[in-house]
């Protein structure tokens, strides 16, 4: 591990003789923590990284750390800075090319070094999320006994990709994407620094702004695109990197979106929450990111169907029909035309009136069932089609609603344990306002309560609609603008008994 192989040594020697052959991002790699762009919170005096670089020892020595952040935020850079500062051994491994054999070799070498010379070993393990559980287990004895100080880097959520015992023995440090100002300062330094472009070109303000936008908070991408743009300008004999030359050299910004990683769920969550918040423009932004990243259109369509019921429900019953139709059309058509169908459905859902009453209703009913509030089915509702059922009293006293003028029979349907509990508590938004009137009217007749009191659940404050309809329930409630033309879509979100639940669904 300490002895590089013949080919590695030759490559490093050639790079030392011809530093200009290395990529700009490598040449501009910081040599001290003060040169690191961004991450100010992690680099304060007394921080674990500062103490690691300063060689903190003793009973309160720095523990192992896990660096978690998007690509280009400085995980490898920080490890490189630490390698230049530590007095002991520094060993670098990549989980892509290494396994348990290499890890054990490092640990054995670390134990020998401590025993023979007292030298401590710092192990930098890049892409730790690529290690299996068994491979990560091989690190535990060394980390726990501090035979090595582990610096592990990952772009994936460590709570899903790193085993719990290793997490509990390490400090988790989260790196954030660089701000535009951080990227801008990095670009300017690379243009004039002798390790970078050494003033060979100048960067116009328009080109700089474009490179900052393309970087998206990724330092490595910023330097890579700058190098490409500068190379294109120099080949044309120009000493100035313009917006035109930058656009020519860098055709398109790669969408930073890992469909198999953490951002897959983050962007999907943001899409659903933007729909719930009625922000149609943010909805289209996240939809575009998912499409451009090559997300399966069926996955997107499934998320839209869930949103249609969970966040819109009976405020606009046609929302689910729209989402289902979109899912069917997407399955038949596919990309690129499927983008239009998904856009139509997403816009419709974002602008629809919102209600989570159906979602809250089933969860409230499930909670009661799981707590044991069930009880026997009332005798008059039990199956009475077989011989002998009558002797048991099954079906006796049942009133057939269709035989009654209003179609409502004043009889008990729920078991005694939950009779009178109002699970469905409709809002007054969109088409659900009509359902609020219907549900109070029916509860008043089923429970034998006067109008205005049937909305209250047993043991709960009274609520729901203020007045029942003048006549019995009609064919069906109106939806869309006709139901409540003066109500703004999504008005009063998260108020009253229909406040957004603490729990969240699959895509959120």
Foldseek 3Di string as FASTA:
>chain_A
DQDDDPVVVVVVVVCVVPVVVDAQCVLQQDQAPVSQFDPVVQPDPPHLLNQLLQVDDDPPHRAAEEEEEAAQLQLVSSLNNSCNRAPAAEEEEELVPDFQVVVVVVLVVLVVCCVPPNGAYEYEYEAQLSYDQVRLVSCLVCRVVVSYRYYYYHHFDCVPRPDPSVPVSYHYDYGYQGDLVSLLVLLVCQCCPPSHVNVQAAEDPLLSVVLSVLCRSRNVSSSNLSVQQCVQCVVVVHRYRYNVSSCVRDVHRQQRADCVGDRVLVLLLQLLVLLLVLPLVSNLVSLVSCVSNPHDVLVLLVSQLVSCCQWANQLFPCLNVLSVVLNVVCVVPPPDVSSVSSSVSSNCSSQGATFRLVVQLVVVVVVCVVVPLAADWPQLCDDDPDPPSVVVSHNPPDDQQVVDPLSAAQEFGGHPSFTQAQSRAFDCHFQSVLVLQQVQVRQCRNVVHDRQASQAGVVGDGDTDRGHDPGHDDPDTDGDCVRPVVDGGHPPAQDDPRHDDPDDDDSD
